[in-house]
Amino acid sequence: MGMSSRATPLVMVLKGGPSAEREVSLSSGHECARALEGEGFQVVEVDAGPDLAARLAEIKPDIVFNALHGRWGEDGCVQGILEWMQIPYTHSGVLASALAMDKERSKQVYAAAGLPIADSKLADKDAVEADHVLPPPYVVKPYNEGSSVGVYLVHEAANGPPKLSAEMPQTVMVEAFVPGREMTASVLGDRCLGVTDILTDGWYDYDAKYKTGGSRHVVPADIPAEIYAACEDFALRAHQALGCRGLSRTDFRWDEAKGLEGLILLETNTQPGMTPTSLSPEQAALQGMSFGQLCAWLVEDASCNR
């Protein structure tokens, strides 16, 4: 931590920002700020904008708590500013953040680490709309933006390729659809916090964006011990292979009919949602950590050169 004349460290909580996941981040940031105040820190909340470097110079925080989600906040950009200004910050550093956000390169890292992934390829948006680039069923997603931009499922029964919305980037990832249950596991430092089974009431419409009507979190996941242990092992290995720091959350799909062979690693989030009812804080609670204690752990773990 930077030396400061302040008795209590001043923590700047960075939230909002210009990404597609702005709203989630505003909520995360506000909850984290309140929790940190409850733990005795001095806290200032800042909505990250183009004047961020000037705000950092003016406020001179001892530590930055990164509660941004999506591009700029999660892809190494803001981490680079903080490294340049030598302000200790939470979560992953420049390289791990950029790697995890790039779905193609992170999959190359997973494959090299012997982790199970789905077949996929990067394709031009126009090519994807013109013809099937993989045999259905497959999903189409942006390869360097958070999930809120949209994920499209193309069913086996689809009449033709999908029509993608204007907000989808020109380069998209097309990935073989892995059926089954949606699971996620968080890693804090060097240990896995637990595994959650996410039961959605969502529906997949043909050629339409994936909509969720809401979801229930079953934590700890009620799954065979072997699968639970594998999720924990794979999440920890993904965190280490990407070079993540602090907190990360890795998402899986599990096709029960195939047993362990049916467990596939989808992606790692280096800035997971941080409200008390978010997945990672619920898993921390399994380990006896309150939301405030989790936020304080992240602040105490903050550094430069991450």
C-alpha atoms as a PDB file:
ATOM      1  CA  MET A   1       0.000   0.000   0.000  1.00  0.00           C
ATOM      2  CA  GLY A   2       1.157   3.555  -0.697  1.00  0.00           C
ATOM      3  CA  MET A   3       2.426   5.461   2.341  1.00  0.00           C
ATOM      4  CA  SER A   4       0.038   8.194   3.312  1.00  0.00           C
ATOM      5  CA  SER A   5      -0.333  10.674   6.142  1.00  0.00           C
ATOM      6  CA  ARG A   6      -3.952   9.540   6.490  1.00  0.00           C
ATOM      7  CA  ALA A   7      -4.684   7.354   9.499  1.00  0.00           C
ATOM      8  CA  THR A   8      -7.270   5.439   7.478  1.00  0.00           C
ATOM      9  CA  PRO A   9      -6.604   4.576   3.816  1.00  0.00           C
ATOM     10  CA  LEU A  10      -8.727   6.516   1.324  1.00  0.00           C
ATOM     11  CA  VAL A  11     -10.289   4.029  -1.078  1.00  0.00           C
ATOM     12  CA  MET A  12     -11.639   5.241  -4.405  1.00  0.00           C
ATOM     13  CA  VAL A  13     -14.351   2.924  -5.698  1.00  0.00           C
ATOM     14  CA  LEU A  14     -14.408   3.073  -9.495  1.00  0.00           C
ATOM     15  CA  LYS A  15     -17.839   2.302 -10.957  1.00  0.00           C
ATOM     16  CA  GLY A  16     -20.063   2.956 -13.976  1.00  0.00           C
ATOM     17  CA  GLY A  17     -17.850   3.733 -16.925  1.00  0.00           C
ATOM     18  CA  PRO A  18     -18.724   3.680 -20.630  1.00  0.00           C
ATOM     19  CA  SER A  19     -19.238  -0.080 -21.195  1.00  0.00           C
ATOM     20  CA  ALA A  20     -22.411  -1.982 -22.037  1.00  0.00           C
ATOM     21  CA  GLU A  21     -22.391  -3.178 -18.413  1.00  0.00           C
ATOM     22  CA  ARG A  22     -22.512   0.317 -16.904  1.00  0.00           C
ATOM     23  CA  GLU A  23     -25.717  -0.217 -14.897  1.00  0.00           C
ATOM     24  CA  VAL A  24     -24.457  -3.411 -13.226  1.00  0.00           C
ATOM     25  CA  SER A  25     -21.235  -1.620 -12.324  1.00  0.00           C
ATOM     26  CA  LEU A  26     -23.012   1.378 -10.771  1.00  0.00           C
ATOM     27  CA  SER A  27     -24.883  -1.025  -8.514  1.00  0.00           C
ATOM     28  CA  SER A  28     -21.769  -3.114  -7.685  1.00  0.00           C
ATOM     29  CA  GLY A  29     -19.711  -0.032  -6.924  1.00  0.00           C
ATOM     30  CA  HIS A  30     -22.283   1.528  -4.636  1.00  0.00           C
ATOM     31  CA  GLU A  31     -22.706  -1.700  -2.642  1.00  0.00           C
ATOM     32  CA  CYS A  32     -18.930  -2.138  -2.298  1.00  0.00           C
ATOM     33  CA  ALA A  33     -18.488   1.489  -1.159  1.00  0.00           C
ATOM     34  CA  ARG A  34     -21.133   1.062   1.537  1.00  0.00           C
ATOM     35  CA  ALA A  35     -19.561  -2.215   2.680  1.00  0.00           C
ATOM     36  CA  LEU A  36     -16.074  -0.654   2.862  1.00  0.00           C
ATOM     37  CA  GLU A  37     -17.396   2.274   4.921  1.00  0.00           C
ATOM     38  CA  GLY A  38     -18.858  -0.333   7.267  1.00  0.00           C
ATOM     39  CA  GLU A  39     -15.373  -1.873   7.564  1.00  0.00           C
ATOM     40  CA  GLY A  40     -13.915   1.484   8.612  1.00  0.00           C
ATOM     41  CA  PHE A  41     -12.350   2.738   5.366  1.00  0.00           C
ATOM     42  CA  GLN A  42     -12.631   6.284   4.040  1.00  0.00           C
ATOM     43  CA  VAL A  43     -14.391   5.903   0.694  1.00  0.00           C
ATOM     44  CA  VAL A  44     -15.074   8.065  -2.330  1.00  0.00           C
ATOM     45  CA  GLU A  45     -17.159   6.795  -5.279  1.00  0.00           C
ATOM     46  CA  VAL A  46     -16.203   7.886  -8.792  1.00  0.00           C
ATOM     47  CA  ASP A  47     -18.110   7.237 -12.019  1.00  0.00           C
ATOM     48  CA  ALA A  48     -15.242   6.509 -14.413  1.00  0.00           C
ATOM     49  CA  GLY A  49     -15.222   8.873 -17.398  1.00  0.00           C
ATOM     50  CA  PRO A  50     -12.705  10.405 -19.838  1.00  0.00           C
ATOM     51  CA  ASP A  51     -11.416  12.633 -17.006  1.00  0.00           C
ATOM     52  CA  LEU A  52     -10.423   9.623 -14.872  1.00  0.00           C
ATOM     53  CA  ALA A  53      -6.687  10.408 -14.764  1.00  0.00           C
ATOM     54  CA  ALA A  54      -7.464  13.993 -13.646  1.00  0.00           C
ATOM     55  CA  ARG A  55      -9.845  12.741 -10.933  1.00  0.00           C
ATOM     56  CA  LEU A  56      -7.193  10.312  -9.655  1.00  0.00           C
ATOM     57  CA  ALA A  57      -4.587  13.115  -9.533  1.00  0.00           C
ATOM     58  CA  GLU A  58      -7.017  15.423  -7.725  1.00  0.00           C
ATOM     59  CA  ILE A  59      -8.402  12.919  -5.158  1.00  0.00           C
ATOM     60  CA  LYS A  60      -5.080  11.062  -4.621  1.00  0.00           C
ATOM     61  CA  PRO A  61      -6.571   7.828  -3.286  1.00  0.00           C
ATOM     62  CA  ASP A  62      -4.338   5.366  -1.412  1.00  0.00           C
ATOM     63  CA  ILE A  63      -6.092   2.454  -3.140  1.00  0.00           C
ATOM     64  CA  VAL A  64      -8.510   2.026  -6.028  1.00  0.00           C
ATOM     65  CA  PHE A  65     -11.240  -0.576  -5.649  1.00  0.00           C
ATOM     66  CA  ASN A  66     -12.153  -1.554  -9.213  1.00  0.00           C
ATOM     67  CA  ALA A  67     -15.894  -2.206  -9.478  1.00  0.00           C
ATOM     68  CA  LEU A  68     -16.060  -1.646 -13.247  1.00  0.00           C
ATOM     69  CA  HIS A  69     -17.443  -4.351 -15.560  1.00  0.00           C
ATOM     70  CA  GLY A  70     -17.004  -4.882 -19.289  1.00  0.00           C
ATOM     71  CA  ARG A  71     -14.672  -3.054 -21.659  1.00  0.00           C
ATOM     72  CA  TRP A  72     -12.207  -0.428 -20.362  1.00  0.00           C
ATOM     73  CA  GLY A  73     -12.733  -1.480 -16.740  1.00  0.00           C
ATOM     74  CA  GLU A  74     -12.202  -5.199 -17.202  1.00  0.00           C
ATOM     75  CA  ASP A  75      -9.886  -5.420 -20.212  1.00  0.00           C
ATOM     76  CA  GLY A  76      -6.626  -3.931 -18.921  1.00  0.00           C
ATOM     77  CA  CYS A  77      -7.247  -0.289 -19.934  1.00  0.00           C
ATOM     78  CA  VAL A  78      -8.018   1.165 -16.507  1.00  0.00           C
ATOM     79  CA  GLN A  79      -5.414  -1.139 -14.951  1.00  0.00           C
ATOM     80  CA  GLY A  80      -2.828   0.486 -17.245  1.00  0.00           C
ATOM     81  CA  ILE A  81      -3.750   3.987 -16.033  1.00  0.00           C
ATOM     82  CA  LEU A  82      -3.401   2.853 -12.414  1.00  0.00           C
ATOM     83  CA  GLU A  83      -0.031   1.209 -13.095  1.00  0.00           C
ATOM     84  CA  TRP A  84       1.181   4.361 -14.879  1.00  0.00           C
ATOM     85  CA  MET A  85       0.108   6.514 -11.904  1.00  0.00           C
ATOM     86  CA  GLN A  86       1.440   3.914  -9.407  1.00  0.00           C
ATOM     87  CA  ILE A  87      -1.839   3.679  -7.472  1.00  0.00           C
ATOM     88  CA  PRO A  88      -2.434   0.258  -5.869  1.00  0.00           C
ATOM     89  CA  TYR A  89      -5.636  -1.399  -7.127  1.00  0.00           C
ATOM     90  CA  THR A  90      -7.737  -4.508  -6.629  1.00  0.00           C
ATOM     91  CA  HIS A  91      -8.415  -7.542  -8.855  1.00  0.00           C
ATOM     92  CA  SER A  92      -6.343  -8.573 -11.878  1.00  0.00           C
ATOM     93  CA  GLY A  93      -3.575  -6.641 -13.605  1.00  0.00           C
ATOM     94  CA  VAL A  94      -3.182  -5.441 -17.192  1.00  0.00           C
ATOM     95  CA  LEU A  95      -2.240  -8.703 -18.909  1.00  0.00           C
ATOM     96  CA  ALA A  96      -4.630 -11.068 -17.101  1.00  0.00           C
ATOM     97  CA  SER A  97      -7.508  -8.610 -17.591  1.00  0.00           C
ATOM     98  CA  ALA A  98      -6.829  -8.221 -21.317  1.00  0.00           C
ATOM     99  CA  LEU A  99      -6.369 -11.984 -21.782  1.00  0.00           C
ATOM    100  CA  ALA A 100      -9.557 -12.979 -19.951  1.00  0.00           C
ATOM    101  CA  MET A 101     -11.627 -10.427 -21.880  1.00  0.00           C
ATOM    102  CA  ASP A 102     -10.383 -11.747 -25.242  1.00  0.00           C
ATOM    103  CA  LYS A 103     -12.407 -14.942 -25.553  1.00  0.00           C
ATOM    104  CA  GLU A 104     -10.236 -16.399 -28.319  1.00  0.00           C
ATOM    105  CA  ARG A 105      -6.878 -15.883 -26.608  1.00  0.00           C
ATOM    106  CA  SER A 106      -8.150 -16.974 -23.204  1.00  0.00           C
ATOM    107  CA  LYS A 107      -9.308 -20.244 -24.786  1.00  0.00           C
ATOM    108  CA  GLN A 108      -5.799 -20.772 -26.163  1.00  0.00           C
ATOM    109  CA  VAL A 109      -4.478 -20.344 -22.607  1.00  0.00           C
ATOM    110  CA  TYR A 110      -7.055 -22.818 -21.239  1.00  0.00           C
ATOM    111  CA  ALA A 111      -6.186 -25.371 -23.917  1.00  0.00           C
ATOM    112  CA  ALA A 112      -2.469 -25.029 -23.149  1.00  0.00           C
ATOM    113  CA  ALA A 113      -3.271 -25.619 -19.454  1.00  0.00           C
ATOM    114  CA  GLY A 114      -5.193 -28.796 -20.335  1.00  0.00           C
ATOM    115  CA  LEU A 115      -8.616 -27.343 -19.485  1.00  0.00           C
ATOM    116  CA  PRO A 116     -11.735 -28.502 -21.377  1.00  0.00           C
ATOM    117  CA  ILE A 117     -13.223 -25.983 -23.847  1.00  0.00           C
ATOM    118  CA  ALA A 118     -15.885 -25.959 -26.567  1.00  0.00           C
ATOM    119  CA  ASP A 119     -14.962 -25.785 -30.261  1.00  0.00           C
ATOM    120  CA  SER A 120     -15.186 -22.238 -31.554  1.00  0.00           C
ATOM    121  CA  LYS A 121     -13.956 -19.794 -34.162  1.00  0.00           C
ATOM    122  CA  LEU A 122     -13.850 -16.053 -34.684  1.00  0.00           C
ATOM    123  CA  ALA A 123     -15.872 -14.859 -37.645  1.00  0.00           C
ATOM    124  CA  ASP A 124     -16.959 -11.692 -39.369  1.00  0.00           C
ATOM    125  CA  LYS A 125     -20.477 -10.623 -38.425  1.00  0.00           C
ATOM    126  CA  ASP A 126     -21.543 -10.506 -42.108  1.00  0.00           C
ATOM    127  CA  ALA A 127     -20.297 -14.064 -42.722  1.00  0.00           C
ATOM    128  CA  VAL A 128     -22.218 -15.291 -39.659  1.00  0.00           C
ATOM    129  CA  GLU A 129     -25.424 -13.680 -40.942  1.00  0.00           C
ATOM    130  CA  ALA A 130     -24.867 -15.065 -44.452  1.00  0.00           C
ATOM    131  CA  ASP A 131     -24.426 -18.755 -43.626  1.00  0.00           C
ATOM    132  CA  HIS A 132     -23.852 -21.235 -40.780  1.00  0.00           C
ATOM    133  CA  VAL A 133     -20.131 -21.034 -39.933  1.00  0.00           C
ATOM    134  CA  LEU A 134     -20.423 -24.027 -37.561  1.00  0.00           C
ATOM    135  CA  PRO A 135     -23.008 -26.808 -37.668  1.00  0.00           C
ATOM    136  CA  PRO A 136     -25.964 -25.947 -35.381  1.00  0.00           C
ATOM    137  CA  PRO A 137     -26.544 -25.851 -32.478  1.00  0.00           C
ATOM    138  CA  TYR A 138     -24.077 -23.048 -31.771  1.00  0.00           C
ATOM    139  CA  VAL A 139     -23.950 -19.741 -29.954  1.00  0.00           C
ATOM    140  CA  VAL A 140     -22.776 -16.381 -31.254  1.00  0.00           C
ATOM    141  CA  LYS A 141     -21.307 -13.888 -28.806  1.00  0.00           C
ATOM    142  CA  PRO A 142     -19.118 -10.788 -28.853  1.00  0.00           C
ATOM    143  CA  TYR A 143     -15.544 -11.882 -28.299  1.00  0.00           C
ATOM    144  CA  ASN A 144     -14.325  -8.907 -26.257  1.00  0.00           C
ATOM    145  CA  GLU A 145     -17.323  -7.460 -24.431  1.00  0.00           C
ATOM    146  CA  GLY A 146     -19.376  -8.498 -21.450  1.00  0.00           C
ATOM    147  CA  SER A 147     -22.392 -10.753 -21.737  1.00  0.00           C
ATOM    148  CA  SER A 148     -24.973  -7.958 -21.623  1.00  0.00           C
ATOM    149  CA  VAL A 149     -24.427  -7.196 -25.308  1.00  0.00           C
ATOM    150  CA  GLY A 150     -26.146 -10.481 -26.018  1.00  0.00           C
ATOM    151  CA  VAL A 151     -25.650 -14.131 -26.783  1.00  0.00           C
ATOM    152  CA  TYR A 152     -27.512 -15.790 -29.641  1.00  0.00           C
ATOM    153  CA  LEU A 153     -28.359 -19.464 -29.763  1.00  0.00           C
ATOM    154  CA  VAL A 154     -28.859 -21.024 -33.183  1.00  0.00           C
ATOM    155  CA  HIS A 155     -30.845 -24.257 -32.773  1.00  0.00           C
ATOM    156  CA  GLU A 156     -30.493 -27.397 -34.824  1.00  0.00           C
ATOM    157  CA  ALA A 157     -33.963 -26.624 -36.185  1.00  0.00           C
ATOM    158  CA  ALA A 158     -33.006 -23.081 -37.246  1.00  0.00           C
ATOM    159  CA  ASN A 159     -34.056 -22.248 -40.791  1.00  0.00           C
ATOM    160  CA  GLY A 160     -30.968 -20.203 -41.434  1.00  0.00           C
ATOM    161  CA  PRO A 161     -28.166 -18.181 -39.871  1.00  0.00           C
ATOM    162  CA  PRO A 162     -28.990 -15.616 -37.160  1.00  0.00           C
ATOM    163  CA  LYS A 163     -29.784 -11.926 -37.600  1.00  0.00           C
ATOM    164  CA  LEU A 164     -27.522 -10.092 -35.169  1.00  0.00           C
ATOM    165  CA  SER A 165     -28.316  -6.769 -33.527  1.00  0.00           C
ATOM    166  CA  ALA A 166     -26.520  -3.553 -34.476  1.00  0.00           C
ATOM    167  CA  GLU A 167     -24.705  -3.451 -31.123  1.00  0.00           C
ATOM    168  CA  MET A 168     -22.872  -6.710 -31.814  1.00  0.00           C
ATOM    169  CA  PRO A 169     -19.253  -6.026 -32.865  1.00  0.00           C
ATOM    170  CA  GLN A 170     -17.960  -6.769 -36.377  1.00  0.00           C
ATOM    171  CA  THR A 171     -15.922  -9.719 -35.093  1.00  0.00           C
ATOM    172  CA  VAL A 172     -17.887 -12.302 -33.132  1.00  0.00           C
ATOM    173  CA  MET A 173     -17.160 -15.673 -31.578  1.00  0.00           C
ATOM    174  CA  VAL A 174     -19.121 -18.668 -32.834  1.00  0.00           C
ATOM    175  CA  GLU A 175     -18.982 -21.531 -30.359  1.00  0.00           C
ATOM    176  CA  ALA A 176     -20.436 -25.041 -30.380  1.00  0.00           C
ATOM    177  CA  PHE A 177     -23.394 -25.073 -27.977  1.00  0.00           C
ATOM    178  CA  VAL A 178     -22.750 -27.143 -24.868  1.00  0.00           C
ATOM    179  CA  PRO A 179     -26.010 -28.403 -23.386  1.00  0.00           C
ATOM    180  CA  GLY A 180     -26.572 -28.853 -19.686  1.00  0.00           C
ATOM    181  CA  ARG A 181     -26.402 -27.059 -16.405  1.00  0.00           C
ATOM    182  CA  GLU A 182     -24.813 -23.684 -15.880  1.00  0.00           C
ATOM    183  CA  MET A 183     -22.270 -23.616 -13.090  1.00  0.00           C
ATOM    184  CA  THR A 184     -19.812 -21.074 -11.749  1.00  0.00           C
ATOM    185  CA  ALA A 185     -16.910 -21.110  -9.284  1.00  0.00           C
ATOM    186  CA  SER A 186     -15.061 -18.156  -7.735  1.00  0.00           C
ATOM    187  CA  VAL A 187     -11.412 -17.994  -6.768  1.00  0.00           C
ATOM    188  CA  LEU A 188     -10.118 -15.601  -4.112  1.00  0.00           C
ATOM    189  CA  GLY A 189      -6.340 -15.390  -3.939  1.00  0.00           C
ATOM    190  CA  ASP A 190      -5.195 -18.991  -4.023  1.00  0.00           C
ATOM    191  CA  ARG A 191      -8.375 -20.854  -3.096  1.00  0.00           C
ATOM    192  CA  CYS A 192     -11.721 -21.670  -4.626  1.00  0.00           C
ATOM    193  CA  LEU A 193     -14.697 -20.330  -2.643  1.00  0.00           C
ATOM    194  CA  GLY A 194     -17.270 -22.822  -3.915  1.00  0.00           C
ATOM    195  CA  VAL A 195     -19.495 -23.829  -6.821  1.00  0.00           C
ATOM    196  CA  THR A 196     -22.967 -22.500  -7.657  1.00  0.00           C
ATOM    197  CA  ASP A 197     -25.564 -24.173  -9.884  1.00  0.00           C
ATOM    198  CA  ILE A 198     -27.479 -21.421 -11.731  1.00  0.00           C
ATOM    199  CA  LEU A 199     -31.024 -22.495 -12.512  1.00  0.00           C
ATOM    200  CA  THR A 200     -32.577 -20.130 -15.043  1.00  0.00           C
ATOM    201  CA  ASP A 201     -36.217 -19.692 -15.941  1.00  0.00           C
ATOM    202  CA  GLY A 202     -34.871 -18.288 -19.170  1.00  0.00           C
ATOM    203  CA  TRP A 203     -35.899 -19.338 -22.630  1.00  0.00           C
ATOM    204  CA  TYR A 204     -34.024 -19.637 -25.873  1.00  0.00           C
ATOM    205  CA  ASP A 205     -36.037 -18.368 -28.784  1.00  0.00           C
ATOM    206  CA  TYR A 206     -35.022 -19.384 -32.300  1.00  0.00           C
ATOM    207  CA  ASP A 207     -32.568 -16.836 -33.701  1.00  0.00           C
ATOM    208  CA  ALA A 208     -33.230 -14.537 -30.770  1.00  0.00           C
ATOM    209  CA  LYS A 209     -31.146 -13.070 -28.033  1.00  0.00           C
ATOM    210  CA  TYR A 210     -30.933 -15.163 -24.890  1.00  0.00           C
ATOM    211  CA  LYS A 211     -33.404 -13.785 -22.355  1.00  0.00           C
ATOM    212  CA  THR A 212     -33.446 -14.787 -18.735  1.00  0.00           C
ATOM    213  CA  GLY A 213     -36.595 -14.366 -16.739  1.00  0.00           C
ATOM    214  CA  GLY A 214     -34.442 -14.638 -13.647  1.00  0.00           C
ATOM    215  CA  SER A 215     -32.392 -17.301 -11.974  1.00  0.00           C
ATOM    216  CA  ARG A 216     -32.001 -19.184  -8.720  1.00  0.00           C
ATOM    217  CA  HIS A 217     -28.585 -19.814  -7.257  1.00  0.00           C
ATOM    218  CA  VAL A 218     -28.075 -23.184  -5.582  1.00  0.00           C
ATOM    219  CA  VAL A 219     -24.953 -22.804  -3.457  1.00  0.00           C
ATOM    220  CA  PRO A 220     -23.184 -25.053  -2.767  1.00  0.00           C
ATOM    221  CA  ALA A 221     -24.239 -26.751  -6.010  1.00  0.00           C
ATOM    222  CA  ASP A 222     -26.101 -30.033  -5.468  1.00  0.00           C
ATOM    223  CA  ILE A 223     -23.948 -32.053  -7.874  1.00  0.00           C
ATOM    224  CA  PRO A 224     -21.745 -35.159  -7.573  1.00  0.00           C
ATOM    225  CA  ALA A 225     -18.615 -34.611  -5.461  1.00  0.00           C
ATOM    226  CA  GLU A 226     -16.407 -35.462  -8.460  1.00  0.00           C
ATOM    227  CA  ILE A 227     -17.970 -32.698 -10.594  1.00  0.00           C
ATOM    228  CA  TYR A 228     -17.874 -30.187  -7.714  1.00  0.00           C
ATOM    229  CA  ALA A 229     -14.169 -30.909  -7.155  1.00  0.00           C
ATOM    230  CA  ALA A 230     -13.461 -30.635 -10.897  1.00  0.00           C
ATOM    231  CA  CYS A 231     -15.154 -27.193 -11.082  1.00  0.00           C
ATOM    232  CA  GLU A 232     -13.026 -26.017  -8.163  1.00  0.00           C
ATOM    233  CA  ASP A 233      -9.844 -27.434  -9.698  1.00  0.00           C
ATOM    234  CA  PHE A 234     -10.543 -26.002 -13.181  1.00  0.00           C
ATOM    235  CA  ALA A 235     -11.491 -22.561 -11.790  1.00  0.00           C
ATOM    236  CA  LEU A 236      -8.254 -22.373  -9.792  1.00  0.00           C
ATOM    237  CA  ARG A 237      -6.179 -23.547 -12.769  1.00  0.00           C
ATOM    238  CA  ALA A 238      -7.894 -21.026 -15.083  1.00  0.00           C
ATOM    239  CA  HIS A 239      -7.233 -18.209 -12.563  1.00  0.00           C
ATOM    240  CA  GLN A 240      -3.557 -19.213 -12.385  1.00  0.00           C
ATOM    241  CA  ALA A 241      -3.078 -19.832 -16.119  1.00  0.00           C
ATOM    242  CA  LEU A 242      -4.471 -16.391 -17.007  1.00  0.00           C
ATOM    243  CA  GLY A 243      -2.436 -14.787 -14.199  1.00  0.00           C
ATOM    244  CA  CYS A 244      -5.483 -13.418 -12.360  1.00  0.00           C
ATOM    245  CA  ARG A 245      -5.170 -11.729  -8.977  1.00  0.00           C
ATOM    246  CA  GLY A 246      -7.644 -11.096  -6.167  1.00  0.00           C
ATOM    247  CA  LEU A 247     -11.079 -12.359  -7.195  1.00  0.00           C
ATOM    248  CA  SER A 248     -12.158 -14.099 -10.403  1.00  0.00           C
ATOM    249  CA  ARG A 249     -15.156 -16.222 -11.385  1.00  0.00           C
ATOM    250  CA  THR A 250     -15.113 -18.994 -13.975  1.00  0.00           C
ATOM    251  CA  ASP A 251     -18.271 -20.200 -15.723  1.00  0.00           C
ATOM    252  CA  PHE A 252     -18.976 -23.776 -16.817  1.00  0.00           C
ATOM    253  CA  ARG A 253     -21.555 -25.922 -18.523  1.00  0.00           C
ATOM    254  CA  TRP A 254     -22.076 -29.488 -17.438  1.00  0.00           C
ATOM    255  CA  ASP A 255     -23.816 -32.089 -19.587  1.00  0.00           C
ATOM    256  CA  GLU A 256     -24.843 -34.597 -16.900  1.00  0.00           C
ATOM    257  CA  ALA A 257     -25.285 -37.431 -19.392  1.00  0.00           C
ATOM    258  CA  LYS A 258     -21.520 -37.369 -20.098  1.00  0.00           C
ATOM    259  CA  GLY A 259     -20.270 -37.238 -16.502  1.00  0.00           C
ATOM    260  CA  LEU A 260     -16.883 -35.568 -16.074  1.00  0.00           C
ATOM    261  CA  GLU A 261     -16.383 -35.524 -19.871  1.00  0.00           C
ATOM    262  CA  GLY A 262     -19.448 -33.261 -20.068  1.00  0.00           C
ATOM    263  CA  LEU A 263     -17.858 -30.453 -18.013  1.00  0.00           C
ATOM    264  CA  ILE A 264     -16.718 -27.551 -20.216  1.00  0.00           C
ATOM    265  CA  LEU A 265     -15.073 -24.285 -19.160  1.00  0.00           C
ATOM    266  CA  LEU A 266     -16.683 -21.273 -20.866  1.00  0.00           C
ATOM    267  CA  GLU A 267     -14.933 -18.127 -19.619  1.00  0.00           C
ATOM    268  CA  THR A 268     -13.338 -16.364 -16.668  1.00  0.00           C
ATOM    269  CA  ASN A 269     -14.605 -13.034 -15.352  1.00  0.00           C
ATOM    270  CA  THR A 270     -11.881 -10.917 -13.745  1.00  0.00           C
ATOM    271  CA  GLN A 271     -14.408  -8.372 -12.387  1.00  0.00           C
ATOM    272  CA  PRO A 272     -17.323 -10.515 -11.191  1.00  0.00           C
ATOM    273  CA  GLY A 273     -20.538  -8.849  -9.992  1.00  0.00           C
ATOM    274  CA  MET A 274     -20.213  -7.472  -6.482  1.00  0.00           C
ATOM    275  CA  THR A 275     -23.555  -6.948  -4.782  1.00  0.00           C
ATOM    276  CA  PRO A 276     -24.418  -8.986  -1.674  1.00  0.00           C
ATOM    277  CA  THR A 277     -26.641 -11.275  -3.773  1.00  0.00           C
ATOM    278  CA  SER A 278     -24.081 -11.709  -6.585  1.00  0.00           C
ATOM    279  CA  LEU A 279     -22.554 -15.138  -7.206  1.00  0.00           C
ATOM    280  CA  SER A 280     -19.043 -14.524  -5.827  1.00  0.00           C
ATOM    281  CA  PRO A 281     -20.141 -12.897  -2.526  1.00  0.00           C
ATOM    282  CA  GLU A 282     -22.606 -15.762  -1.988  1.00  0.00           C
ATOM    283  CA  GLN A 283     -19.721 -18.208  -2.386  1.00  0.00           C
ATOM    284  CA  ALA A 284     -17.535 -16.171   0.001  1.00  0.00           C
ATOM    285  CA  ALA A 285     -20.369 -16.421   2.548  1.00  0.00           C
ATOM    286  CA  LEU A 286     -20.035 -20.234   2.301  1.00  0.00           C
ATOM    287  CA  GLN A 287     -16.497 -19.758   3.647  1.00  0.00           C
ATOM    288  CA  GLY A 288     -17.750 -17.591   6.509  1.00  0.00           C
ATOM    289  CA  MET A 289     -16.792 -14.258   4.869  1.00  0.00           C
ATOM    290  CA  SER A 290     -19.313 -11.438   5.061  1.00  0.00           C
ATOM    291  CA  PHE A 291     -19.713  -9.071   2.105  1.00  0.00           C
ATOM    292  CA  GLY A 292     -17.812  -6.407   4.045  1.00  0.00           C
ATOM    293  CA  GLN A 293     -14.992  -8.831   4.843  1.00  0.00           C
ATOM    294  CA  LEU A 294     -14.741  -9.829   1.163  1.00  0.00           C
ATOM    295  CA  CYS A 295     -14.472  -6.173   0.080  1.00  0.00           C
ATOM    296  CA  ALA A 296     -11.900  -5.488   2.829  1.00  0.00           C
ATOM    297  CA  TRP A 297      -9.856  -8.546   1.755  1.00  0.00           C
ATOM    298  CA  LEU A 298      -9.701  -7.148  -1.782  1.00  0.00           C
ATOM    299  CA  VAL A 299      -8.576  -3.720  -0.537  1.00  0.00           C
ATOM    300  CA  GLU A 300      -5.874  -5.280   1.653  1.00  0.00           C
ATOM    301  CA  ASP A 301      -4.714  -7.364  -1.342  1.00  0.00           C
ATOM    302  CA  ALA A 302      -4.405  -4.261  -3.587  1.00  0.00           C
ATOM    303  CA  SER A 303      -1.054  -3.469  -5.177  1.00  0.00           C
ATOM    304  CA  CYS A 304       0.687  -2.258  -8.315  1.00  0.00           C
ATOM    305  CA  ASN A 305       2.592  -4.594 -10.669  1.00  0.00           C
ATOM    306  CA  ARG A 306      -0.258  -7.100 -10.757  1.00  0.00           C
END
